[in-house]
Amino acid sequence: MTVLLRWQKSSYSEGGDGNTCVETAALPTRVAIRDSKAPSRGTVTIPVGSFAALIQSLKRTPV
């Protein structure tokens, strides 16, 4: 069975053509992540809870 994913670019993508970012796609219990510049190179999937923890950690990290 083939699953079509709805990829969403990060809202923090750089200016210009906006392709310098990651994309995510929601799965039932995981989140798929890929490089928007090289989407055919593959994806990484992580559990939803781990993804949420990663995002919260990134929000707390000073730039």
PDB file of N, CA and C in Angstrom:
ATOM      1  N   MET A   1       0.837  -1.183   0.000  1.00  0.00           N
ATOM      2  CA  MET A   1       0.000   0.000   0.000  1.00  0.00           C
ATOM      3  C   MET A   1       0.886   1.252   0.000  1.00  0.00           C
ATOM      4  N   THR A   2       0.584   2.186  -0.853  1.00  0.00           N
ATOM      5  CA  THR A   2       1.318   3.440  -0.934  1.00  0.00           C
ATOM      6  C   THR A   2       0.571   4.517  -0.148  1.00  0.00           C
ATOM      7  N   VAL A   3       1.328   5.237   0.681  1.00  0.00           N
ATOM      8  CA  VAL A   3       0.745   6.313   1.463  1.00  0.00           C
ATOM      9  C   VAL A   3       1.246   7.635   0.897  1.00  0.00           C
ATOM     10  N   LEU A   4       0.343   8.503   0.508  1.00  0.00           N
ATOM     11  CA  LEU A   4       0.726   9.831   0.036  1.00  0.00           C
ATOM     12  C   LEU A   4       0.854  10.754   1.233  1.00  0.00           C
ATOM     13  N   LEU A   5       2.001  11.394   1.338  1.00  0.00           N
ATOM     14  CA  LEU A   5       2.247  12.287   2.467  1.00  0.00           C
ATOM     15  C   LEU A   5       2.023  13.732   2.049  1.00  0.00           C
ATOM     16  N   ARG A   6       1.505  14.515   2.955  1.00  0.00           N
ATOM     17  CA  ARG A   6       1.349  15.961   2.729  1.00  0.00           C
ATOM     18  C   ARG A   6       2.520  16.657   3.412  1.00  0.00           C
ATOM     19  N   TRP A   7       3.484  17.030   2.614  1.00  0.00           N
ATOM     20  CA  TRP A   7       4.688  17.674   3.134  1.00  0.00           C
ATOM     21  C   TRP A   7       4.424  19.143   3.402  1.00  0.00           C
ATOM     22  N   GLN A   8       4.971  19.628   4.509  1.00  0.00           N
ATOM     23  CA  GLN A   8       4.811  21.030   4.901  1.00  0.00           C
ATOM     24  C   GLN A   8       6.190  21.604   5.194  1.00  0.00           C
ATOM     25  N   LYS A   9       6.502  22.730   4.561  1.00  0.00           N
ATOM     26  CA  LYS A   9       7.795  23.384   4.797  1.00  0.00           C
ATOM     27  C   LYS A   9       7.783  24.131   6.114  1.00  0.00           C
ATOM     28  N   SER A  10       8.945  24.255   6.675  1.00  0.00           N
ATOM     29  CA  SER A  10       9.110  25.014   7.903  1.00  0.00           C
ATOM     30  C   SER A  10       8.762  26.477   7.667  1.00  0.00           C
ATOM     31  N   SER A  11       8.148  27.100   8.654  1.00  0.00           N
ATOM     32  CA  SER A  11       7.847  28.530   8.550  1.00  0.00           C
ATOM     33  C   SER A  11       9.106  29.374   8.715  1.00  0.00           C
ATOM     34  N   TYR A  12      10.220  28.750   9.069  1.00  0.00           N
ATOM     35  CA  TYR A  12      11.480  29.463   9.246  1.00  0.00           C
ATOM     36  C   TYR A  12      12.418  29.296   8.057  1.00  0.00           C
ATOM     37  N   SER A  13      11.906  28.903   6.902  1.00  0.00           N
ATOM     38  CA  SER A  13      12.764  28.738   5.738  1.00  0.00           C
ATOM     39  C   SER A  13      13.338  30.087   5.345  1.00  0.00           C
ATOM     40  N   GLU A  14      14.547  30.043   4.788  1.00  0.00           N
ATOM     41  CA  GLU A  14      15.236  31.284   4.421  1.00  0.00           C
ATOM     42  C   GLU A  14      14.523  31.998   3.290  1.00  0.00           C
ATOM     43  N   GLY A  15      14.914  33.245   3.073  1.00  0.00           N
ATOM     44  CA  GLY A  15      14.338  34.042   1.989  1.00  0.00           C
ATOM     45  C   GLY A  15      14.679  33.466   0.629  1.00  0.00           C
ATOM     46  N   GLY A  16      14.433  34.201  -0.401  1.00  0.00           N
ATOM     47  CA  GLY A  16      14.691  33.726  -1.759  1.00  0.00           C
ATOM     48  C   GLY A  16      13.636  32.731  -2.183  1.00  0.00           C
ATOM     49  N   ASP A  17      14.090  31.601  -2.684  1.00  0.00           N
ATOM     50  CA  ASP A  17      13.126  30.610  -3.167  1.00  0.00           C
ATOM     51  C   ASP A  17      12.552  29.741  -2.055  1.00  0.00           C
ATOM     52  N   GLY A  18      13.035  29.909  -0.823  1.00  0.00           N
ATOM     53  CA  GLY A  18      12.442  29.206   0.314  1.00  0.00           C
ATOM     54  C   GLY A  18      12.717  27.717   0.352  1.00  0.00           C
ATOM     55  N   ASN A  19      13.785  27.267  -0.302  1.00  0.00           N
ATOM     56  CA  ASN A  19      14.045  25.828  -0.312  1.00  0.00           C
ATOM     57  C   ASN A  19      15.149  25.404   0.645  1.00  0.00           C
ATOM     58  N   THR A  20      15.569  26.289   1.543  1.00  0.00           N
ATOM     59  CA  THR A  20      16.606  25.955   2.496  1.00  0.00           C
ATOM     60  C   THR A  20      15.956  25.632   3.833  1.00  0.00           C
ATOM     61  N   CYS A  21      15.289  24.522   3.884  1.00  0.00           N
ATOM     62  CA  CYS A  21      14.611  24.163   5.118  1.00  0.00           C
ATOM     63  C   CYS A  21      14.311  22.673   5.146  1.00  0.00           C
ATOM     64  N   VAL A  22      13.681  22.265   6.186  1.00  0.00           N
ATOM     65  CA  VAL A  22      13.195  20.896   6.275  1.00  0.00           C
ATOM     66  C   VAL A  22      11.694  20.906   6.025  1.00  0.00           C
ATOM     67  N   GLU A  23      11.197  19.742   5.677  1.00  0.00           N
ATOM     68  CA  GLU A  23       9.762  19.558   5.500  1.00  0.00           C
ATOM     69  C   GLU A  23       9.323  18.432   6.427  1.00  0.00           C
ATOM     70  N   THR A  24       8.103  18.513   6.903  1.00  0.00           N
ATOM     71  CA  THR A  24       7.562  17.466   7.754  1.00  0.00           C
ATOM     72  C   THR A  24       6.236  16.975   7.176  1.00  0.00           C
ATOM     73  N   ALA A  25       5.908  15.751   7.516  1.00  0.00           N
ATOM     74  CA  ALA A  25       4.625  15.165   7.120  1.00  0.00           C
ATOM     75  C   ALA A  25       4.115  14.331   8.282  1.00  0.00           C
ATOM     76  N   ALA A  26       2.856  14.497   8.607  1.00  0.00           N
ATOM     77  CA  ALA A  26       2.252  13.767   9.732  1.00  0.00           C
ATOM     78  C   ALA A  26       1.839  12.362   9.298  1.00  0.00           C
ATOM     79  N   LEU A  27       2.179  11.398  10.124  1.00  0.00           N
ATOM     80  CA  LEU A  27       1.729  10.015   9.992  1.00  0.00           C
ATOM     81  C   LEU A  27       0.899   9.710  11.234  1.00  0.00           C
ATOM     82  N   PRO A  28       0.192   8.595  11.276  1.00  0.00           N
ATOM     83  CA  PRO A  28      -0.660   8.319  12.441  1.00  0.00           C
ATOM     84  C   PRO A  28       0.065   8.373  13.800  1.00  0.00           C
ATOM     85  N   THR A  29       1.269   7.806  13.886  1.00  0.00           N
ATOM     86  CA  THR A  29       1.974   7.791  15.177  1.00  0.00           C
ATOM     87  C   THR A  29       3.392   8.329  15.086  1.00  0.00           C
ATOM     88  N   ARG A  30       3.767   8.825  13.915  1.00  0.00           N
ATOM     89  CA  ARG A  30       5.131   9.313  13.706  1.00  0.00           C
ATOM     90  C   ARG A  30       5.095  10.601  12.887  1.00  0.00           C
ATOM     91  N   VAL A  31       6.249  11.264  12.800  1.00  0.00           N
ATOM     92  CA  VAL A  31       6.410  12.439  11.943  1.00  0.00           C
ATOM     93  C   VAL A  31       7.563  12.148  10.998  1.00  0.00           C
ATOM     94  N   ALA A  32       7.345  12.350   9.710  1.00  0.00           N
ATOM     95  CA  ALA A  32       8.389  12.167   8.707  1.00  0.00           C
ATOM     96  C   ALA A  32       9.078  13.511   8.490  1.00  0.00           C
ATOM     97  N   ILE A  33      10.395  13.474   8.326  1.00  0.00           N
ATOM     98  CA  ILE A  33      11.197  14.684   8.136  1.00  0.00           C
ATOM     99  C   ILE A  33      12.120  14.452   6.950  1.00  0.00           C
ATOM    100  N   ARG A  34      12.247  15.478   6.069  1.00  0.00           N
ATOM    101  CA  ARG A  34      13.164  15.381   4.942  1.00  0.00           C
ATOM    102  C   ARG A  34      13.753  16.749   4.628  1.00  0.00           C
ATOM    103  N   ASP A  35      14.826  16.743   3.875  1.00  0.00           N
ATOM    104  CA  ASP A  35      15.489  17.965   3.413  1.00  0.00           C
ATOM    105  C   ASP A  35      14.751  18.465   2.183  1.00  0.00           C
ATOM    106  N   SER A  36      14.288  19.697   2.204  1.00  0.00           N
ATOM    107  CA  SER A  36      13.521  20.225   1.068  1.00  0.00           C
ATOM    108  C   SER A  36      14.372  20.380  -0.188  1.00  0.00           C
ATOM    109  N   LYS A  37      15.694  20.503  -0.027  1.00  0.00           N
ATOM    110  CA  LYS A  37      16.570  20.636  -1.188  1.00  0.00           C
ATOM    111  C   LYS A  37      16.840  19.293  -1.858  1.00  0.00           C
ATOM    112  N   ALA A  38      16.674  18.206  -1.111  1.00  0.00           N
ATOM    113  CA  ALA A  38      16.973  16.874  -1.654  1.00  0.00           C
ATOM    114  C   ALA A  38      15.925  15.877  -1.167  1.00  0.00           C
ATOM    115  N   PRO A  39      14.659  16.068  -1.525  1.00  0.00           N
ATOM    116  CA  PRO A  39      13.598  15.210  -1.001  1.00  0.00           C
ATOM    117  C   PRO A  39      13.716  13.743  -1.398  1.00  0.00           C
ATOM    118  N   SER A  40      14.376  13.468  -2.504  1.00  0.00           N
ATOM    119  CA  SER A  40      14.491  12.074  -2.943  1.00  0.00           C
ATOM    120  C   SER A  40      15.577  11.305  -2.198  1.00  0.00           C
ATOM    121  N   ARG A  41      16.371  11.984  -1.385  1.00  0.00           N
ATOM    122  CA  ARG A  41      17.438  11.317  -0.632  1.00  0.00           C
ATOM    123  C   ARG A  41      16.913  10.490   0.530  1.00  0.00           C
ATOM    124  N   GLY A  42      15.657  10.659   0.860  1.00  0.00           N
ATOM    125  CA  GLY A  42      15.088   9.848   1.924  1.00  0.00           C
ATOM    126  C   GLY A  42      14.510  10.687   3.048  1.00  0.00           C
ATOM    127  N   THR A  43      13.889   9.981   3.975  1.00  0.00           N
ATOM    128  CA  THR A  43      13.249  10.632   5.110  1.00  0.00           C
ATOM    129  C   THR A  43      13.661   9.951   6.402  1.00  0.00           C
ATOM    130  N   VAL A  44      13.444  10.649   7.475  1.00  0.00           N
ATOM    131  CA  VAL A  44      13.618  10.116   8.822  1.00  0.00           C
ATOM    132  C   VAL A  44      12.246  10.197   9.473  1.00  0.00           C
ATOM    133  N   THR A  45      11.849   9.171  10.182  1.00  0.00           N
ATOM    134  CA  THR A  45      10.591   9.241  10.919  1.00  0.00           C
ATOM    135  C   THR A  45      10.872   9.051  12.394  1.00  0.00           C
ATOM    136  N   ILE A  46      10.173   9.833  13.211  1.00  0.00           N
ATOM    137  CA  ILE A  46      10.318   9.724  14.653  1.00  0.00           C
ATOM    138  C   ILE A  46       8.932   9.730  15.294  1.00  0.00           C
ATOM    139  N   PRO A  47       8.814   9.154  16.491  1.00  0.00           N
ATOM    140  CA  PRO A  47       7.519   9.161  17.175  1.00  0.00           C
ATOM    141  C   PRO A  47       7.035  10.595  17.421  1.00  0.00           C
ATOM    142  N   VAL A  48       5.725  10.775  17.400  1.00  0.00           N
ATOM    143  CA  VAL A  48       5.122  12.101  17.579  1.00  0.00           C
ATOM    144  C   VAL A  48       5.607  12.757  18.873  1.00  0.00           C
ATOM    145  N   GLY A  49       5.648  12.006  19.975  1.00  0.00           N
ATOM    146  CA  GLY A  49       6.089  12.572  21.256  1.00  0.00           C
ATOM    147  C   GLY A  49       7.526  13.057  21.211  1.00  0.00           C
ATOM    148  N   SER A  50       8.389  12.323  20.542  1.00  0.00           N
ATOM    149  CA  SER A  50       9.790  12.731  20.408  1.00  0.00           C
ATOM    150  C   SER A  50       9.912  13.984  19.559  1.00  0.00           C
ATOM    151  N   PHE A  51       9.098  14.075  18.514  1.00  0.00           N
ATOM    152  CA  PHE A  51       9.114  15.258  17.663  1.00  0.00           C
ATOM    153  C   PHE A  51       8.662  16.483  18.457  1.00  0.00           C
ATOM    154  N   ALA A  52       7.611  16.322  19.248  1.00  0.00           N
ATOM    155  CA  ALA A  52       7.118  17.434  20.075  1.00  0.00           C
ATOM    156  C   ALA A  52       8.194  17.885  21.061  1.00  0.00           C
ATOM    157  N   ALA A  53       8.903  16.934  21.664  1.00  0.00           N
ATOM    158  CA  ALA A  53       9.979  17.273  22.603  1.00  0.00           C
ATOM    159  C   ALA A  53      11.114  17.998  21.875  1.00  0.00           C
ATOM    160  N   LEU A  54      11.433  17.571  20.664  1.00  0.00           N
ATOM    161  CA  LEU A  54      12.470  18.231  19.873  1.00  0.00           C
ATOM    162  C   LEU A  54      12.093  19.679  19.586  1.00  0.00           C
ATOM    163  N   ILE A  55      10.871  19.914  19.160  1.00  0.00           N
ATOM    164  CA  ILE A  55      10.417  21.272  18.852  1.00  0.00           C
ATOM    165  C   ILE A  55      10.457  22.150  20.098  1.00  0.00           C
ATOM    166  N   GLN A  56      10.007  21.632  21.224  1.00  0.00           N
ATOM    167  CA  GLN A  56      10.037  22.412  22.474  1.00  0.00           C
ATOM    168  C   GLN A  56      11.469  22.753  22.861  1.00  0.00           C
ATOM    169  N   SER A  57      12.385  21.813  22.687  1.00  0.00           N
ATOM    170  CA  SER A  57      13.794  22.057  22.993  1.00  0.00           C
ATOM    171  C   SER A  57      14.376  23.132  22.075  1.00  0.00           C
ATOM    172  N   LEU A  58      14.041  23.078  20.790  1.00  0.00           N
ATOM    173  CA  LEU A  58      14.539  24.081  19.846  1.00  0.00           C
ATOM    174  C   LEU A  58      13.987  25.464  20.175  1.00  0.00           C
ATOM    175  N   LYS A  59      12.758  25.536  20.626  1.00  0.00           N
ATOM    176  CA  LYS A  59      12.160  26.829  20.983  1.00  0.00           C
ATOM    177  C   LYS A  59      12.864  27.448  22.187  1.00  0.00           C
ATOM    178  N   ARG A  60      13.396  26.621  23.076  1.00  0.00           N
ATOM    179  CA  ARG A  60      14.091  27.127  24.270  1.00  0.00           C
ATOM    180  C   ARG A  60      15.548  27.488  24.010  1.00  0.00           C
ATOM    181  N   THR A  61      16.103  27.018  22.887  1.00  0.00           N
ATOM    182  CA  THR A  61      17.511  27.235  22.576  1.00  0.00           C
ATOM    183  C   THR A  61      17.722  28.644  22.023  1.00  0.00           C
ATOM    184  N   PRO A  62      18.605  29.427  22.654  1.00  0.00           N
ATOM    185  CA  PRO A  62      18.871  30.770  22.128  1.00  0.00           C
ATOM    186  C   PRO A  62      19.571  30.693  20.773  1.00  0.00           C
ATOM    187  N   VAL A  63      19.265  31.651  19.932  1.00  0.00           N
ATOM    188  CA  VAL A  63      19.866  31.693  18.588  1.00  0.00           C
ATOM    189  C   VAL A  63      21.190  32.367  18.620  1.00  0.00           C
TER     190      VAL A  63
END
